[in-house]
Amino acid sequence: MTFETFLFVLAGGLVLGALYALMATGLAVVWTTLGIFNFAHGAFITFGAYLAWQVSQTEAGNAGYFAGAAAAVAGLFITGVIFHLALVRPFERKPNVVLLSVITTLAGATILENAIDLVWGPRSKQLAPMVPGDATFFGVTTSKNQILMIVLVLIILAAVGAFLRYSATGRAMRAVAQNREAAELMGLDVPKLYAGAFGLSAAIAGLAGLFVGSIHFMTPSMGTDPLMKALLVVIFGGVARFTSPIYAAFVVGLVEAFSTYYVGLYWTPAVLFGLMIVVLIVKPEGLFGKYERSV
């Protein structure tokens, strides 16, 4: 491998890591707050991409990229709240809530995916890049859109982390994540915080869909792979800290990029899942995790 090839693969790994960090952070917010995995997360990513496309690029919209981003965030926040109220809240006090949430969110994902297919059709679409053109660093050419995407993802993650750490609502979500009963005794509106966490997770997924749609073709079923990668990152890195899935996402992105170069695209998923199994055997709480669970 030449130095230029190494830099090219490294750049690809960083782009993947940024996307996976955004996907996994949204998934981790629901897991740390409600204690469940949301299997509709991939469908949320798809829906965010299509909403952004509808507002930013069609004749009905044509309002520009950032208007599309705002539509994706607002639309997905509302969708997340609705999903929580309809599919999760009725079962929160059930002893088998984890299993029930798997079933209901999978059902919700199927319904949402088919609704996207009905509204926008099965034909592939793609969002225009935020900025056109390429940039060259150390002899390696990459798109300006991907560079800007990495920067924006880091800013978004920093903003979400600051919200959870410093805002009253964010601290309340962390309190509920640590101990629901104690939070209720302190007067916190737990159902409202759960709905807010679900909405925040969906809004982050919408932004992830926006970025995915600007570098890949969009289809109604495109959320399957992002969901799998987000699950892998969350399990691989753990969720004890807010930064745990972020660190893990960049590790997974780099491993995927270099595995694709050395062993090919076909064997890369086997490498990723094999690495995850090894990590869970050695450190069951995740590579960057602790035994306690908090945001």
C-alpha atoms as a PDB file:
ATOM      1  CA  MET A   1       0.000   0.000   0.000  1.00  0.00           C
ATOM      2  CA  THR A   2       1.417   3.354  -1.029  1.00  0.00           C
ATOM      3  CA  PHE A   3       1.180   6.408   1.194  1.00  0.00           C
ATOM      4  CA  GLU A   4      -1.369   8.002  -1.146  1.00  0.00           C
ATOM      5  CA  THR A   5      -3.507   4.841  -1.032  1.00  0.00           C
ATOM      6  CA  PHE A   6      -3.241   4.765   2.751  1.00  0.00           C
ATOM      7  CA  LEU A   7      -4.482   8.359   2.960  1.00  0.00           C
ATOM      8  CA  PHE A   8      -7.318   7.605   0.536  1.00  0.00           C
ATOM      9  CA  VAL A   9      -8.494   4.602   2.589  1.00  0.00           C
ATOM     10  CA  LEU A  10      -8.042   6.594   5.805  1.00  0.00           C
ATOM     11  CA  ALA A  11     -10.238   9.392   4.453  1.00  0.00           C
ATOM     12  CA  GLY A  12     -12.919   6.867   3.521  1.00  0.00           C
ATOM     13  CA  GLY A  13     -12.768   5.384   7.016  1.00  0.00           C
ATOM     14  CA  LEU A  14     -13.200   8.804   8.618  1.00  0.00           C
ATOM     15  CA  VAL A  15     -16.260   9.505   6.464  1.00  0.00           C
ATOM     16  CA  LEU A  16     -17.783   6.160   7.451  1.00  0.00           C
ATOM     17  CA  GLY A  17     -16.898   6.772  11.087  1.00  0.00           C
ATOM     18  CA  ALA A  18     -18.628  10.152  11.087  1.00  0.00           C
ATOM     19  CA  LEU A  19     -21.797   8.654   9.592  1.00  0.00           C
ATOM     20  CA  TYR A  20     -21.776   5.716  12.002  1.00  0.00           C
ATOM     21  CA  ALA A  21     -21.191   8.053  14.970  1.00  0.00           C
ATOM     22  CA  LEU A  22     -24.305  10.040  14.127  1.00  0.00           C
ATOM     23  CA  MET A  23     -26.379   6.904  13.530  1.00  0.00           C
ATOM     24  CA  ALA A  24     -25.207   5.198  16.710  1.00  0.00           C
ATOM     25  CA  THR A  25     -25.588   8.263  18.934  1.00  0.00           C
ATOM     26  CA  GLY A  26     -29.268   8.508  18.110  1.00  0.00           C
ATOM     27  CA  LEU A  27     -29.737   4.814  18.832  1.00  0.00           C
ATOM     28  CA  ALA A  28     -27.774   5.118  22.091  1.00  0.00           C
ATOM     29  CA  VAL A  29     -29.961   7.979  23.346  1.00  0.00           C
ATOM     30  CA  VAL A  30     -33.008   5.691  23.329  1.00  0.00           C
ATOM     31  CA  TRP A  31     -31.120   2.754  24.832  1.00  0.00           C
ATOM     32  CA  THR A  32     -29.615   4.731  27.697  1.00  0.00           C
ATOM     33  CA  THR A  33     -32.841   6.569  28.517  1.00  0.00           C
ATOM     34  CA  LEU A  34     -35.523   3.920  27.966  1.00  0.00           C
ATOM     35  CA  GLY A  35     -33.417   0.764  28.152  1.00  0.00           C
ATOM     36  CA  ILE A  36     -34.636  -0.566  24.782  1.00  0.00           C
ATOM     37  CA  PHE A  37     -33.320  -0.852  21.240  1.00  0.00           C
ATOM     38  CA  ASN A  38     -35.356   1.001  18.631  1.00  0.00           C
ATOM     39  CA  PHE A  39     -35.426  -1.169  15.527  1.00  0.00           C
ATOM     40  CA  ALA A  40     -37.200   1.580  13.596  1.00  0.00           C
ATOM     41  CA  HIS A  41     -34.010   3.648  13.684  1.00  0.00           C
ATOM     42  CA  GLY A  42     -33.007   2.616  10.166  1.00  0.00           C
ATOM     43  CA  ALA A  43     -36.425   3.592   8.830  1.00  0.00           C
ATOM     44  CA  PHE A  44     -36.025   6.964  10.571  1.00  0.00           C
ATOM     45  CA  ILE A  45     -32.754   7.484   8.693  1.00  0.00           C
ATOM     46  CA  THR A  46     -34.525   6.698   5.415  1.00  0.00           C
ATOM     47  CA  PHE A  47     -37.470   8.972   6.200  1.00  0.00           C
ATOM     48  CA  GLY A  48     -35.125  11.845   7.060  1.00  0.00           C
ATOM     49  CA  ALA A  49     -33.357  11.507   3.719  1.00  0.00           C
ATOM     50  CA  TYR A  50     -36.631  11.500   1.766  1.00  0.00           C
ATOM     51  CA  LEU A  51     -38.078  14.460   3.680  1.00  0.00           C
ATOM     52  CA  ALA A  52     -34.920  16.457   2.988  1.00  0.00           C
ATOM     53  CA  TRP A  53     -35.055  15.490  -0.682  1.00  0.00           C
ATOM     54  CA  GLN A  54     -38.730  16.471  -0.946  1.00  0.00           C
ATOM     55  CA  VAL A  55     -38.170  19.923   0.553  1.00  0.00           C
ATOM     56  CA  SER A  56     -34.790  20.749  -0.940  1.00  0.00           C
ATOM     57  CA  GLN A  57     -34.870  19.430  -4.507  1.00  0.00           C
ATOM     58  CA  THR A  58     -38.287  18.639  -5.953  1.00  0.00           C
ATOM     59  CA  GLU A  59     -40.438  21.072  -7.879  1.00  0.00           C
ATOM     60  CA  ALA A  60     -42.824  21.132  -4.939  1.00  0.00           C
ATOM     61  CA  GLY A  61     -40.011  22.184  -2.624  1.00  0.00           C
ATOM     62  CA  ASN A  62     -36.759  23.400  -4.135  1.00  0.00           C
ATOM     63  CA  ALA A  63     -36.085  25.335  -0.922  1.00  0.00           C
ATOM     64  CA  GLY A  64     -32.411  24.441  -0.628  1.00  0.00           C
ATOM     65  CA  TYR A  65     -30.251  22.006   1.298  1.00  0.00           C
ATOM     66  CA  PHE A  66     -30.494  23.616   4.714  1.00  0.00           C
ATOM     67  CA  ALA A  67     -34.276  23.964   4.479  1.00  0.00           C
ATOM     68  CA  GLY A  68     -34.302  20.244   3.754  1.00  0.00           C
ATOM     69  CA  ALA A  69     -32.144  19.653   6.820  1.00  0.00           C
ATOM     70  CA  ALA A  70     -34.560  21.653   8.987  1.00  0.00           C
ATOM     71  CA  ALA A  71     -37.492  19.665   7.597  1.00  0.00           C
ATOM     72  CA  ALA A  72     -35.710  16.382   8.323  1.00  0.00           C
ATOM     73  CA  VAL A  73     -34.974  17.375  11.928  1.00  0.00           C
ATOM     74  CA  ALA A  74     -38.462  18.729  12.667  1.00  0.00           C
ATOM     75  CA  GLY A  75     -40.309  15.965  10.820  1.00  0.00           C
ATOM     76  CA  LEU A  76     -38.307  13.187  12.433  1.00  0.00           C
ATOM     77  CA  PHE A  77     -38.633  14.656  15.924  1.00  0.00           C
ATOM     78  CA  ILE A  78     -42.416  14.580  15.554  1.00  0.00           C
ATOM     79  CA  THR A  79     -42.243  11.072  14.055  1.00  0.00           C
ATOM     80  CA  GLY A  80     -40.128   9.869  16.975  1.00  0.00           C
ATOM     81  CA  VAL A  81     -42.581  11.242  19.526  1.00  0.00           C
ATOM     82  CA  ILE A  82     -45.491   9.591  17.692  1.00  0.00           C
ATOM     83  CA  PHE A  83     -43.661   6.262  17.552  1.00  0.00           C
ATOM     84  CA  HIS A  84     -42.981   6.424  21.278  1.00  0.00           C
ATOM     85  CA  LEU A  85     -46.584   7.248  22.157  1.00  0.00           C
ATOM     86  CA  ALA A  86     -48.025   4.575  19.857  1.00  0.00           C
ATOM     87  CA  LEU A  87     -45.496   1.742  20.021  1.00  0.00           C
ATOM     88  CA  VAL A  88     -43.500   1.992  23.248  1.00  0.00           C
ATOM     89  CA  ARG A  89     -45.383   3.876  25.954  1.00  0.00           C
ATOM     90  CA  PRO A  90     -48.271   1.368  26.218  1.00  0.00           C
ATOM     91  CA  PHE A  91     -45.746  -1.325  27.213  1.00  0.00           C
ATOM     92  CA  GLU A  92     -43.305   0.610  29.431  1.00  0.00           C
ATOM     93  CA  ARG A  93     -44.564  -0.972  32.663  1.00  0.00           C
ATOM     94  CA  LYS A  94     -44.673  -4.504  31.248  1.00  0.00           C
ATOM     95  CA  PRO A  95     -42.031  -6.916  32.605  1.00  0.00           C
ATOM     96  CA  ASN A  96     -41.108  -7.989  29.044  1.00  0.00           C
ATOM     97  CA  VAL A  97     -40.930  -4.440  27.658  1.00  0.00           C
ATOM     98  CA  VAL A  98     -37.604  -5.103  25.892  1.00  0.00           C
ATOM     99  CA  LEU A  99     -39.038  -7.952  23.819  1.00  0.00           C
ATOM    100  CA  LEU A 100     -42.280  -6.094  23.167  1.00  0.00           C
ATOM    101  CA  SER A 101     -40.407  -2.988  22.011  1.00  0.00           C
ATOM    102  CA  VAL A 102     -38.397  -5.091  19.574  1.00  0.00           C
ATOM    103  CA  ILE A 103     -41.632  -6.398  18.048  1.00  0.00           C
ATOM    104  CA  THR A 104     -43.451  -3.059  17.966  1.00  0.00           C
ATOM    105  CA  THR A 105     -40.545  -1.010  16.604  1.00  0.00           C
ATOM    106  CA  LEU A 106     -39.866  -3.639  13.933  1.00  0.00           C
ATOM    107  CA  ALA A 107     -43.538  -3.415  12.966  1.00  0.00           C
ATOM    108  CA  GLY A 108     -43.322   0.381  12.933  1.00  0.00           C
ATOM    109  CA  ALA A 109     -40.214   0.244  10.753  1.00  0.00           C
ATOM    110  CA  THR A 110     -42.003  -1.982   8.235  1.00  0.00           C
ATOM    111  CA  ILE A 111     -45.016   0.331   8.123  1.00  0.00           C
ATOM    112  CA  LEU A 112     -42.849   3.437   7.688  1.00  0.00           C
ATOM    113  CA  GLU A 113     -40.708   1.812   4.999  1.00  0.00           C
ATOM    114  CA  ASN A 114     -43.769   0.788   3.007  1.00  0.00           C
ATOM    115  CA  ALA A 115     -45.279   4.254   3.421  1.00  0.00           C
ATOM    116  CA  ILE A 116     -42.087   5.756   1.969  1.00  0.00           C
ATOM    117  CA  ASP A 117     -42.333   3.347  -0.947  1.00  0.00           C
ATOM    118  CA  LEU A 118     -45.958   4.333  -1.559  1.00  0.00           C
ATOM    119  CA  VAL A 119     -45.322   8.083  -1.386  1.00  0.00           C
ATOM    120  CA  TRP A 120     -41.995   8.389  -3.227  1.00  0.00           C
ATOM    121  CA  GLY A 121     -41.810   5.153  -5.194  1.00  0.00           C
ATOM    122  CA  PRO A 122     -39.040   2.560  -5.470  1.00  0.00           C
ATOM    123  CA  ARG A 123     -36.806   4.470  -7.896  1.00  0.00           C
ATOM    124  CA  SER A 124     -33.425   5.591  -6.557  1.00  0.00           C
ATOM    125  CA  LYS A 125     -32.908   9.224  -5.650  1.00  0.00           C
ATOM    126  CA  GLN A 126     -30.002  11.287  -4.364  1.00  0.00           C
ATOM    127  CA  LEU A 127     -29.621  14.561  -2.553  1.00  0.00           C
ATOM    128  CA  ALA A 128     -27.387  17.194  -4.087  1.00  0.00           C
ATOM    129  CA  PRO A 129     -24.149  17.722  -2.122  1.00  0.00           C
ATOM    130  CA  MET A 130     -23.929  20.590   0.353  1.00  0.00           C
ATOM    131  CA  VAL A 131     -20.962  22.004  -1.561  1.00  0.00           C
ATOM    132  CA  PRO A 132     -19.768  20.924  -5.019  1.00  0.00           C
ATOM    133  CA  GLY A 133     -16.237  20.171  -6.060  1.00  0.00           C
ATOM    134  CA  ASP A 134     -13.194  18.339  -4.746  1.00  0.00           C
ATOM    135  CA  ALA A 135     -10.263  19.205  -2.509  1.00  0.00           C
ATOM    136  CA  THR A 136      -6.753  17.731  -2.578  1.00  0.00           C
ATOM    137  CA  PHE A 137      -4.622  17.045   0.509  1.00  0.00           C
ATOM    138  CA  PHE A 138      -1.199  15.390   0.327  1.00  0.00           C
ATOM    139  CA  GLY A 139      -1.971  14.203  -3.189  1.00  0.00           C
ATOM    140  CA  VAL A 140      -5.297  12.626  -2.216  1.00  0.00           C
ATOM    141  CA  THR A 141      -8.479  14.028  -3.738  1.00  0.00           C
ATOM    142  CA  THR A 142     -11.748  13.893  -1.805  1.00  0.00           C
ATOM    143  CA  SER A 143     -15.030  15.718  -2.158  1.00  0.00           C
ATOM    144  CA  LYS A 144     -15.632  18.950  -0.298  1.00  0.00           C
ATOM    145  CA  ASN A 145     -19.047  17.583   0.621  1.00  0.00           C
ATOM    146  CA  GLN A 146     -17.514  14.738   2.633  1.00  0.00           C
ATOM    147  CA  ILE A 147     -15.073  17.059   4.394  1.00  0.00           C
ATOM    148  CA  LEU A 148     -17.891  19.408   5.374  1.00  0.00           C
ATOM    149  CA  MET A 149     -19.988  16.433   6.456  1.00  0.00           C
ATOM    150  CA  ILE A 150     -17.309  15.271   8.926  1.00  0.00           C
ATOM    151  CA  VAL A 151     -17.027  18.786  10.371  1.00  0.00           C
ATOM    152  CA  LEU A 152     -20.810  19.143  10.710  1.00  0.00           C
ATOM    153  CA  VAL A 153     -21.174  15.725  12.326  1.00  0.00           C
ATOM    154  CA  LEU A 154     -18.602  16.659  14.973  1.00  0.00           C
ATOM    155  CA  ILE A 155     -20.408  19.955  15.617  1.00  0.00           C
ATOM    156  CA  ILE A 156     -23.784  18.180  15.877  1.00  0.00           C
ATOM    157  CA  LEU A 157     -22.400  15.576  18.285  1.00  0.00           C
ATOM    158  CA  ALA A 158     -20.813  18.296  20.415  1.00  0.00           C
ATOM    159  CA  ALA A 159     -24.146  20.158  20.495  1.00  0.00           C
ATOM    160  CA  VAL A 160     -26.053  17.019  21.527  1.00  0.00           C
ATOM    161  CA  GLY A 161     -23.475  16.275  24.215  1.00  0.00           C
ATOM    162  CA  ALA A 162     -23.707  19.840  25.543  1.00  0.00           C
ATOM    163  CA  PHE A 163     -27.519  19.618  25.564  1.00  0.00           C
ATOM    164  CA  LEU A 164     -27.475  16.386  27.587  1.00  0.00           C
ATOM    165  CA  ARG A 165     -24.863  17.676  30.001  1.00  0.00           C
ATOM    166  CA  TYR A 166     -25.788  21.309  30.609  1.00  0.00           C
ATOM    167  CA  SER A 167     -29.471  21.869  29.786  1.00  0.00           C
ATOM    168  CA  ALA A 168     -32.185  21.213  32.373  1.00  0.00           C
ATOM    169  CA  THR A 169     -33.991  18.847  29.997  1.00  0.00           C
ATOM    170  CA  GLY A 170     -30.793  16.997  29.173  1.00  0.00           C
ATOM    171  CA  ARG A 171     -29.906  16.544  32.837  1.00  0.00           C
ATOM    172  CA  ALA A 172     -33.437  15.326  33.493  1.00  0.00           C
ATOM    173  CA  MET A 173     -33.049  12.723  30.730  1.00  0.00           C
ATOM    174  CA  ARG A 174     -29.809  11.547  32.310  1.00  0.00           C
ATOM    175  CA  ALA A 175     -31.496  11.339  35.707  1.00  0.00           C
ATOM    176  CA  VAL A 176     -34.305   9.201  34.277  1.00  0.00           C
ATOM    177  CA  ALA A 177     -31.714   6.988  32.583  1.00  0.00           C
ATOM    178  CA  GLN A 178     -29.970   6.385  35.894  1.00  0.00           C
ATOM    179  CA  ASN A 179     -33.052   5.752  38.043  1.00  0.00           C
ATOM    180  CA  ARG A 180     -36.622   6.129  36.820  1.00  0.00           C
ATOM    181  CA  GLU A 181     -38.239   5.691  40.230  1.00  0.00           C
ATOM    182  CA  ALA A 182     -36.024   8.286  41.909  1.00  0.00           C
ATOM    183  CA  ALA A 183     -36.663  10.704  39.033  1.00  0.00           C
ATOM    184  CA  GLU A 184     -40.419  10.285  39.468  1.00  0.00           C
ATOM    185  CA  LEU A 185     -40.099  10.916  43.206  1.00  0.00           C
ATOM    186  CA  MET A 186     -38.237  14.135  42.420  1.00  0.00           C
ATOM    187  CA  GLY A 187     -41.212  15.289  40.334  1.00  0.00           C
ATOM    188  CA  LEU A 188     -39.813  14.737  36.835  1.00  0.00           C
ATOM    189  CA  ASP A 189     -42.333  14.043  34.075  1.00  0.00           C
ATOM    190  CA  VAL A 190     -40.883  10.715  32.990  1.00  0.00           C
ATOM    191  CA  PRO A 191     -43.292   9.958  30.088  1.00  0.00           C
ATOM    192  CA  LYS A 192     -42.624  13.390  28.601  1.00  0.00           C
ATOM    193  CA  LEU A 193     -38.851  12.894  28.949  1.00  0.00           C
ATOM    194  CA  TYR A 194     -39.092   9.464  27.335  1.00  0.00           C
ATOM    195  CA  ALA A 195     -41.003  10.956  24.406  1.00  0.00           C
ATOM    196  CA  GLY A 196     -38.426  13.756  24.150  1.00  0.00           C
ATOM    197  CA  ALA A 197     -35.566  11.261  24.121  1.00  0.00           C
ATOM    198  CA  PHE A 198     -37.267   9.284  21.368  1.00  0.00           C
ATOM    199  CA  GLY A 199     -37.846  12.471  19.390  1.00  0.00           C
ATOM    200  CA  LEU A 200     -34.222  13.580  19.869  1.00  0.00           C
ATOM    201  CA  SER A 201     -33.003  10.167  18.703  1.00  0.00           C
ATOM    202  CA  ALA A 202     -35.209  10.337  15.603  1.00  0.00           C
ATOM    203  CA  ALA A 203     -34.062  13.900  14.818  1.00  0.00           C
ATOM    204  CA  ILE A 204     -30.428  12.750  14.935  1.00  0.00           C
ATOM    205  CA  ALA A 205     -31.381   9.854  12.647  1.00  0.00           C
ATOM    206  CA  GLY A 206     -32.948  12.356  10.256  1.00  0.00           C
ATOM    207  CA  LEU A 207     -29.662  14.259  10.035  1.00  0.00           C
ATOM    208  CA  ALA A 208     -27.829  10.990   9.440  1.00  0.00           C
ATOM    209  CA  GLY A 209     -30.240  10.251   6.582  1.00  0.00           C
ATOM    210  CA  LEU A 210     -29.579  13.694   5.140  1.00  0.00           C
ATOM    211  CA  PHE A 211     -25.837  13.009   4.992  1.00  0.00           C
ATOM    212  CA  VAL A 212     -26.250   9.445   3.723  1.00  0.00           C
ATOM    213  CA  GLY A 213     -28.567  10.665   0.974  1.00  0.00           C
ATOM    214  CA  SER A 214     -25.972  13.166  -0.226  1.00  0.00           C
ATOM    215  CA  ILE A 215     -23.263  10.541  -0.797  1.00  0.00           C
ATOM    216  CA  HIS A 216     -25.299   7.405  -1.643  1.00  0.00           C
ATOM    217  CA  PHE A 217     -28.409   6.673  -3.659  1.00  0.00           C
ATOM    218  CA  MET A 218     -31.629   6.614  -1.654  1.00  0.00           C
ATOM    219  CA  THR A 219     -34.119   3.737  -1.727  1.00  0.00           C
ATOM    220  CA  PRO A 220     -37.053   2.959   0.615  1.00  0.00           C
ATOM    221  CA  SER A 221     -35.107   0.015   2.073  1.00  0.00           C
ATOM    222  CA  MET A 222     -31.786   1.811   2.500  1.00  0.00           C
ATOM    223  CA  GLY A 223     -32.131   1.960   6.308  1.00  0.00           C
ATOM    224  CA  THR A 224     -31.349  -1.729   6.833  1.00  0.00           C
ATOM    225  CA  ASP A 225     -27.578  -1.396   6.582  1.00  0.00           C
ATOM    226  CA  PRO A 226     -27.382   1.789   8.735  1.00  0.00           C
ATOM    227  CA  LEU A 227     -29.454   0.065  11.431  1.00  0.00           C
ATOM    228  CA  MET A 228     -27.120  -2.926  11.417  1.00  0.00           C
ATOM    229  CA  LYS A 229     -24.030  -0.693  11.589  1.00  0.00           C
ATOM    230  CA  ALA A 230     -25.530   1.449  14.363  1.00  0.00           C
ATOM    231  CA  LEU A 231     -26.343  -1.665  16.397  1.00  0.00           C
ATOM    232  CA  LEU A 232     -22.845  -3.004  15.819  1.00  0.00           C
ATOM    233  CA  VAL A 233     -21.269   0.275  16.938  1.00  0.00           C
ATOM    234  CA  VAL A 234     -23.414   0.562  20.078  1.00  0.00           C
ATOM    235  CA  ILE A 235     -22.753  -3.046  21.104  1.00  0.00           C
ATOM    236  CA  PHE A 236     -19.072  -2.811  20.154  1.00  0.00           C
ATOM    237  CA  GLY A 237     -18.391   0.421  22.029  1.00  0.00           C
ATOM    238  CA  GLY A 238     -20.862   0.277  24.889  1.00  0.00           C
ATOM    239  CA  VAL A 239     -23.120   3.113  26.035  1.00  0.00           C
ATOM    240  CA  ALA A 240     -21.848   3.940  29.518  1.00  0.00           C
ATOM    241  CA  ARG A 241     -20.567   7.310  28.309  1.00  0.00           C
ATOM    242  CA  PHE A 242     -21.958   9.615  25.643  1.00  0.00           C
ATOM    243  CA  THR A 243     -18.622   9.404  23.807  1.00  0.00           C
ATOM    244  CA  SER A 244     -18.390   5.592  23.843  1.00  0.00           C
ATOM    245  CA  PRO A 245     -20.370   4.946  20.625  1.00  0.00           C
ATOM    246  CA  ILE A 246     -18.625   7.902  18.955  1.00  0.00           C
ATOM    247  CA  TYR A 247     -15.173   6.446  19.558  1.00  0.00           C
ATOM    248  CA  ALA A 248     -16.418   3.013  18.516  1.00  0.00           C
ATOM    249  CA  ALA A 249     -17.956   4.428  15.326  1.00  0.00           C
ATOM    250  CA  PHE A 250     -14.618   5.749  14.092  1.00  0.00           C
ATOM    251  CA  VAL A 251     -12.909   2.463  14.992  1.00  0.00           C
ATOM    252  CA  VAL A 252     -15.556   0.534  13.035  1.00  0.00           C
ATOM    253  CA  GLY A 253     -15.368   2.976  10.107  1.00  0.00           C
ATOM    254  CA  LEU A 254     -11.587   2.636   9.847  1.00  0.00           C
ATOM    255  CA  VAL A 255     -11.688  -1.150  10.246  1.00  0.00           C
ATOM    256  CA  GLU A 256     -14.338  -1.348   7.517  1.00  0.00           C
ATOM    257  CA  ALA A 257     -12.373   0.866   5.132  1.00  0.00           C
ATOM    258  CA  PHE A 258      -9.115  -1.050   5.525  1.00  0.00           C
ATOM    259  CA  SER A 259     -10.879  -4.440   5.505  1.00  0.00           C
ATOM    260  CA  THR A 260     -12.591  -3.525   2.256  1.00  0.00           C
ATOM    261  CA  TYR A 261      -9.196  -2.688   0.755  1.00  0.00           C
ATOM    262  CA  TYR A 262      -7.406  -5.800   1.989  1.00  0.00           C
ATOM    263  CA  VAL A 263     -10.046  -8.584   2.021  1.00  0.00           C
ATOM    264  CA  GLY A 264     -12.783  -7.128  -0.174  1.00  0.00           C
ATOM    265  CA  LEU A 265     -16.314  -5.885   0.309  1.00  0.00           C
ATOM    266  CA  TYR A 266     -17.786  -9.383   0.596  1.00  0.00           C
ATOM    267  CA  TRP A 267     -15.730 -10.394   3.658  1.00  0.00           C
ATOM    268  CA  THR A 268     -15.788  -7.038   5.450  1.00  0.00           C
ATOM    269  CA  PRO A 269     -19.035  -7.709   7.416  1.00  0.00           C
ATOM    270  CA  ALA A 270     -17.520 -10.974   8.669  1.00  0.00           C
ATOM    271  CA  VAL A 271     -14.445  -9.088   9.868  1.00  0.00           C
ATOM    272  CA  LEU A 272     -16.583  -6.494  11.676  1.00  0.00           C
ATOM    273  CA  PHE A 273     -18.818  -9.008  13.414  1.00  0.00           C
ATOM    274  CA  GLY A 274     -15.854 -11.221  14.244  1.00  0.00           C
ATOM    275  CA  LEU A 275     -14.144  -8.250  15.885  1.00  0.00           C
ATOM    276  CA  MET A 276     -17.315  -7.447  17.810  1.00  0.00           C
ATOM    277  CA  ILE A 277     -17.553 -11.019  19.110  1.00  0.00           C
ATOM    278  CA  VAL A 278     -13.927 -10.928  20.270  1.00  0.00           C
ATOM    279  CA  VAL A 279     -14.472  -7.611  22.063  1.00  0.00           C
ATOM    280  CA  LEU A 280     -17.616  -8.880  23.797  1.00  0.00           C
ATOM    281  CA  ILE A 281     -15.823 -12.018  24.957  1.00  0.00           C
ATOM    282  CA  VAL A 282     -12.949 -10.004  26.412  1.00  0.00           C
ATOM    283  CA  LYS A 283     -14.977  -6.973  27.569  1.00  0.00           C
ATOM    284  CA  PRO A 284     -18.740  -7.719  27.620  1.00  0.00           C
ATOM    285  CA  GLU A 285     -19.701  -4.147  28.486  1.00  0.00           C
ATOM    286  CA  GLY A 286     -18.138  -2.912  25.242  1.00  0.00           C
ATOM    287  CA  LEU A 287     -14.750  -1.582  24.255  1.00  0.00           C
ATOM    288  CA  PHE A 288     -15.351   1.860  25.772  1.00  0.00           C
ATOM    289  CA  GLY A 289     -18.080   0.871  28.228  1.00  0.00           C
ATOM    290  CA  LYS A 290     -18.440   0.538  31.974  1.00  0.00           C
ATOM    291  CA  TYR A 291     -20.780  -1.621  33.954  1.00  0.00           C
ATOM    292  CA  GLU A 292     -23.120   1.210  34.913  1.00  0.00           C
ATOM    293  CA  ARG A 293     -25.568   2.583  32.351  1.00  0.00           C
ATOM    294  CA  SER A 294     -25.979   6.349  31.916  1.00  0.00           C
ATOM    295  CA  VAL A 295     -26.050   8.908  29.132  1.00  0.00           C
END
